Amino acid sequence: MSKIKKRLFIICLLAAATMTLMIYQQKHGSIKWLSFVSYPYDLLSGFSSRITGAVSEFWNTYDSNKVLKKQNAELLLERQKYTEIILENTRLKALLELKQSQKGFVTAASVTGRGYDRFLNTLIIDKGAKNGIQKNMAVVTTKGLVGKIQSLSNDTAEILLINDPNFSVAVRLQQTRHEGVLSGTGRGFCELKYIPPEETVQQGDIVITSGLDGLFPEGIPVGVVQSIRRAGIDFFLDIRVATFSAPHKTEEVVVVRQRN
């Protein structure tokens, strides 16, 4: 018998056996040893089903997490917007109170950017000559003096900040009434000049404008004495003052004129 005939014979024999078993199972019920033979297949089928279910659950969870992350980001953004609105309203309320308390009030303005000269500490505001602003007018915030108007156009003005080396203002110590001149240093503090060594100055003393320079209204808070150096001083004390206002964090200001 040729190989081809043998293979056909075996296939036909297996097919006949399979048909016989199927007919027998229909008439007499399942065969126990067949269940034993099919057990590995059933086990593999169940394992495959569990794997498929786990993968499906994983992707469903992944998609749900993506949706939740997106919603969370949107809620966080919305919260930040509301927080910014609340902070802005708080600042504007304080600015309104400052406006009402300043007799020399000219206008309130918002800071729109830094000055154009990188060698100067300046800020640009969105009000100018048409709003009544004039050169050298004092600029204040709710915390205190922030600078003065250095230049302006019809619609904008430039503020020379209190910490700029070109800035100076006549001041006095609030408690002792000692008078001097406050100058910017270009750094994070100012210098209080022309206070003699025999004068009593203490750390923590409040510095306010004196009004004696004819530019700044009297009584505007300026800063607090940070340190005093007396050693090696012959003529005037070396006094550092930390300003109340943070010039480069300023967002809204009030422009005031010298009181008549």
Protein backbone atom coordinates (compact mmCIF):
# COMPACT_ATOMS: atom_id res chain seq x y z
CA MET A 1 0.00 0.00 0.00
CA SER A 2 1.39 3.41 -0.92
CA LYS A 3 1.99 6.17 1.66
CA ILE A 4 -0.84 8.29 0.26
CA LYS A 5 -3.31 5.45 0.59
CA LYS A 6 -2.13 4.77 4.14
CA ARG A 7 -2.71 8.41 5.14
CA LEU A 8 -6.15 8.43 3.59
CA PHE A 9 -6.98 5.21 5.38
CA ILE A 10 -5.86 6.66 8.77
CA ILE A 11 -7.85 9.87 8.20
CA CYS A 12 -10.97 7.92 7.29
CA LEU A 13 -10.47 5.69 10.32
CA LEU A 14 -10.16 8.71 12.67
CA ALA A 15 -13.23 10.33 11.11
CA ALA A 16 -15.23 7.11 11.54
CA ALA A 17 -14.09 6.80 15.15
CA THR A 18 -15.05 10.41 15.85
CA MET A 19 -18.51 9.93 14.32
CA THR A 20 -18.99 6.71 16.31
CA LEU A 21 -18.06 8.46 19.56
CA MET A 22 -20.41 11.36 18.83
CA ILE A 23 -23.31 8.99 18.08
CA TYR A 24 -22.56 6.96 21.21
CA GLN A 25 -22.41 10.14 23.34
CA GLN A 26 -25.78 11.29 22.03
CA LYS A 27 -27.41 7.92 22.89
CA HIS A 28 -25.63 7.04 26.13
CA GLY A 29 -24.38 10.35 27.56
CA SER A 30 -20.83 11.69 27.97
CA ILE A 31 -17.86 9.38 28.28
CA LYS A 32 -15.78 9.94 31.43
CA TRP A 33 -12.42 9.46 29.80
CA LEU A 34 -13.33 12.03 27.17
CA SER A 35 -13.83 14.58 29.94
CA PHE A 36 -10.37 13.75 31.17
CA VAL A 37 -8.94 14.24 27.70
CA SER A 38 -10.75 17.57 27.25
CA TYR A 39 -9.68 18.93 30.69
CA PRO A 40 -6.45 20.58 29.45
CA TYR A 41 -8.40 22.27 26.68
CA ASP A 42 -11.05 23.51 29.15
CA LEU A 43 -8.31 24.74 31.50
CA LEU A 44 -6.55 26.58 28.72
CA SER A 45 -9.84 28.02 27.50
CA GLY A 46 -10.70 29.31 30.99
CA PHE A 47 -7.23 30.80 31.45
CA SER A 48 -7.52 32.51 28.07
CA SER A 49 -10.91 33.92 29.02
CA ARG A 50 -9.52 35.31 32.29
CA ILE A 51 -6.56 36.88 30.50
CA THR A 52 -8.89 38.43 27.92
CA GLY A 53 -11.13 39.79 30.69
CA ALA A 54 -8.15 41.20 32.62
CA VAL A 55 -6.79 42.95 29.51
CA SER A 56 -10.21 44.37 28.73
CA GLU A 57 -10.57 45.60 32.31
CA PHE A 58 -7.09 47.15 32.17
CA TRP A 59 -7.90 49.15 29.05
CA ASN A 60 -11.25 50.23 30.49
CA THR A 61 -9.46 51.43 33.65
CA TYR A 62 -6.81 53.17 31.56
CA ASP A 63 -9.45 55.03 29.54
CA SER A 64 -11.31 55.98 32.73
CA ASN A 65 -8.09 57.32 34.26
CA LYS A 66 -7.44 59.42 31.17
CA VAL A 67 -10.92 60.93 31.45
CA LEU A 68 -10.50 61.56 35.20
CA LYS A 69 -7.08 63.19 34.69
CA LYS A 70 -8.50 65.49 32.05
CA GLN A 71 -11.43 66.43 34.30
CA ASN A 72 -9.06 66.98 37.22
CA ALA A 73 -6.83 69.28 35.12
CA GLU A 74 -9.88 71.28 34.02
CA LEU A 75 -11.08 71.62 37.62
CA LEU A 76 -7.59 72.70 38.75
CA LEU A 77 -7.45 75.34 36.00
CA GLU A 78 -10.91 76.58 36.96
CA ARG A 79 -9.88 76.77 40.61
CA GLN A 80 -6.76 78.78 39.71
CA LYS A 81 -8.90 81.21 37.72
CA TYR A 82 -11.25 81.71 40.67
CA THR A 83 -8.29 82.13 43.05
CA GLU A 84 -6.77 84.78 40.79
CA ILE A 85 -10.12 86.61 40.62
CA ILE A 86 -10.43 86.56 44.42
CA LEU A 87 -6.87 87.87 44.87
CA GLU A 88 -7.46 90.59 42.29
CA ASN A 89 -10.69 91.65 44.00
CA THR A 90 -8.86 91.79 47.34
CA ARG A 91 -6.14 94.01 45.86
CA LEU A 92 -8.66 96.28 44.15
CA LYS A 93 -10.66 96.65 47.37
CA ALA A 94 -7.51 97.65 49.24
CA LEU A 95 -6.64 100.04 46.40
CA LEU A 96 -10.09 101.65 46.66
CA GLU A 97 -9.56 102.18 50.37
CA LEU A 98 -6.17 103.74 49.61
CA LYS A 99 -7.78 106.02 47.03
CA GLN A 100 -10.27 107.24 49.59
CA SER A 101 -7.57 107.83 52.22
CA GLN A 102 -5.16 109.74 49.95
CA LYS A 103 -6.08 113.42 49.79
CA GLY A 104 -3.70 114.01 46.89
CA PHE A 105 -5.15 111.15 44.85
CA VAL A 106 -4.73 111.57 41.08
CA THR A 107 -5.53 108.17 39.56
CA ALA A 108 -5.23 104.44 40.03
CA ALA A 109 -3.37 102.41 37.41
CA SER A 110 -2.28 98.90 36.52
CA VAL A 111 1.29 97.85 35.83
CA THR A 112 1.64 96.68 32.23
CA GLY A 113 5.35 95.90 32.04
CA ARG A 114 8.91 96.73 32.93
CA GLY A 115 10.67 99.84 31.74
CA TYR A 116 12.59 100.00 28.48
CA ASP A 117 15.96 100.95 29.98
CA ARG A 118 17.56 97.82 31.43
CA PHE A 119 19.92 99.95 33.54
CA LEU A 120 17.02 101.47 35.47
CA ASN A 121 14.53 99.88 37.87
CA THR A 122 11.28 101.04 36.30
CA LEU A 123 7.72 99.91 35.62
CA ILE A 124 5.18 101.00 33.00
CA ILE A 125 1.57 101.78 33.97
CA ASP A 126 -1.54 102.14 31.78
CA LYS A 127 -2.31 105.77 32.69
CA GLY A 128 -0.66 108.97 31.46
CA ALA A 129 -0.94 112.71 31.01
CA LYS A 130 -4.59 112.59 29.95
CA ASN A 131 -5.38 111.08 33.37
CA GLY A 132 -3.80 114.01 35.23
CA ILE A 133 -0.40 112.41 35.85
CA GLN A 134 2.64 114.67 35.93
CA LYS A 135 6.36 114.03 36.19
CA ASN A 136 7.77 113.41 39.70
CA MET A 137 4.38 112.57 41.23
CA ALA A 138 4.56 109.95 43.98
CA VAL A 139 3.45 106.39 43.28
CA VAL A 140 2.18 104.28 46.17
CA THR A 141 0.62 100.91 46.86
CA THR A 142 -1.42 99.69 49.81
CA LYS A 143 1.88 98.87 51.55
CA GLY A 144 3.67 102.15 50.97
CA LEU A 145 5.83 104.22 48.63
CA VAL A 146 6.90 102.39 45.49
CA GLY A 147 8.49 105.18 43.42
CA LYS A 148 7.80 108.30 41.40
CA ILE A 149 6.80 109.20 37.84
CA GLN A 150 9.94 109.57 35.75
CA SER A 151 8.47 110.07 32.27
CA LEU A 152 5.09 109.82 30.60
CA SER A 153 3.11 109.97 27.40
CA ASN A 154 -0.53 110.75 26.89
CA ASP A 155 -1.61 107.19 27.73
CA THR A 156 1.22 105.63 29.76
CA ALA A 157 3.78 106.56 32.39
CA GLU A 158 7.08 105.17 33.63
CA ILE A 159 7.75 104.72 37.36
CA LEU A 160 11.27 105.05 38.75
CA LEU A 161 11.23 102.51 41.57
CA ILE A 162 12.30 103.22 45.12
CA ASN A 163 15.22 100.77 44.95
CA ASP A 164 16.84 102.39 41.90
CA PRO A 165 20.18 104.17 42.66
CA ASN A 166 18.82 107.34 40.99
CA PHE A 167 15.86 107.51 43.39
CA SER A 168 15.83 109.60 46.57
CA VAL A 169 13.15 110.91 48.93
CA ALA A 170 13.14 113.06 52.06
CA VAL A 171 12.12 110.92 55.04
CA ARG A 172 11.97 110.86 58.82
CA LEU A 173 11.95 108.21 61.50
CA GLN A 174 8.39 107.94 62.76
CA GLN A 175 9.22 107.60 66.46
CA THR A 176 12.18 109.94 66.98
CA ARG A 177 11.33 112.33 64.07
CA HIS A 178 14.97 112.35 62.95
CA GLU A 179 15.15 113.47 59.32
CA GLY A 180 17.26 112.16 56.48
CA VAL A 181 17.22 111.12 52.84
CA LEU A 182 16.41 107.63 51.59
CA SER A 183 18.23 106.47 48.45
CA GLY A 184 17.94 103.34 46.35
CA THR A 185 20.89 100.97 45.99
CA GLY A 186 19.81 98.81 43.06
CA ARG A 187 19.58 95.88 45.45
CA GLY A 188 16.99 94.55 47.87
CA PHE A 189 17.31 97.43 50.35
CA CYS A 190 17.67 101.22 50.51
CA GLU A 191 20.03 103.48 52.45
CA LEU A 192 18.98 106.08 54.98
CA LYS A 193 21.53 108.91 54.77
CA TYR A 194 22.52 111.96 56.81
CA ILE A 195 21.63 110.65 60.29
CA PRO A 196 24.42 111.71 62.73
CA PRO A 197 26.06 109.06 64.98
CA GLU A 198 24.71 110.70 68.15
CA GLU A 199 21.11 110.22 67.06
CA THR A 200 19.15 107.29 68.49
CA VAL A 201 18.21 104.82 65.77
CA GLN A 202 17.07 101.28 66.42
CA GLN A 203 16.45 98.26 64.27
CA GLY A 204 12.74 98.08 63.49
CA ASP A 205 12.18 101.88 63.44
CA ILE A 206 9.57 102.91 60.87
CA VAL A 207 10.58 105.27 58.06
CA ILE A 208 8.00 107.62 56.49
CA THR A 209 8.14 110.48 53.98
CA SER A 210 8.69 113.92 55.51
CA GLY A 211 7.30 116.03 52.64
CA LEU A 212 10.28 118.39 52.88
CA ASP A 213 11.45 117.70 49.34
CA GLY A 214 8.29 119.26 47.88
CA LEU A 215 7.59 116.16 45.76
CA PHE A 216 6.22 113.48 48.04
CA PRO A 217 3.27 113.94 50.39
CA GLU A 218 4.10 113.71 54.08
CA GLY A 219 3.48 110.55 56.05
CA ILE A 220 3.65 107.85 53.36
CA PRO A 221 5.08 104.62 54.81
CA VAL A 222 8.45 103.80 53.26
CA GLY A 223 10.10 100.97 55.17
CA VAL A 224 11.69 99.69 58.35
CA VAL A 225 15.26 100.02 59.62
CA GLN A 226 16.99 96.72 58.92
CA SER A 227 20.48 97.35 60.27
CA ILE A 228 22.67 100.15 61.67
CA ARG A 229 26.46 100.26 61.42
CA ARG A 230 28.19 102.59 63.87
CA ALA A 231 31.76 101.26 63.91
CA GLY A 232 34.21 103.42 61.97
CA ILE A 233 31.56 106.08 61.30
CA ASP A 234 32.65 109.73 61.65
CA PHE A 235 29.86 111.76 60.11
CA PHE A 236 26.69 109.76 59.40
CA LEU A 237 25.35 106.36 60.35
CA ASP A 238 25.28 103.57 57.79
CA ILE A 239 21.59 102.54 57.90
CA ARG A 240 19.87 99.96 55.73
CA VAL A 241 16.12 100.13 55.22
CA ALA A 242 13.87 97.32 53.98
CA THR A 243 11.02 98.87 52.00
CA PHE A 244 7.41 97.94 52.72
CA SER A 245 6.53 97.67 49.05
CA ALA A 246 7.97 94.96 46.81
CA PRO A 247 8.54 97.02 43.64
CA HIS A 248 8.91 94.16 41.18
CA LYS A 249 5.81 92.38 42.53
CA THR A 250 3.62 95.44 42.12
CA GLU A 251 0.48 95.04 39.98
CA GLU A 252 -1.70 98.07 40.82
CA VAL A 253 -0.67 101.52 42.03
CA VAL A 254 -2.08 104.88 43.00
CA VAL A 255 -0.53 108.15 41.79
CA VAL A 256 -0.69 111.06 44.27
CA ARG A 257 0.31 114.68 44.14
CA GLN A 258 2.01 116.79 46.78
CA ARG A 259 -0.58 118.16 49.16
CA ASN A 260 -1.09 121.90 49.07
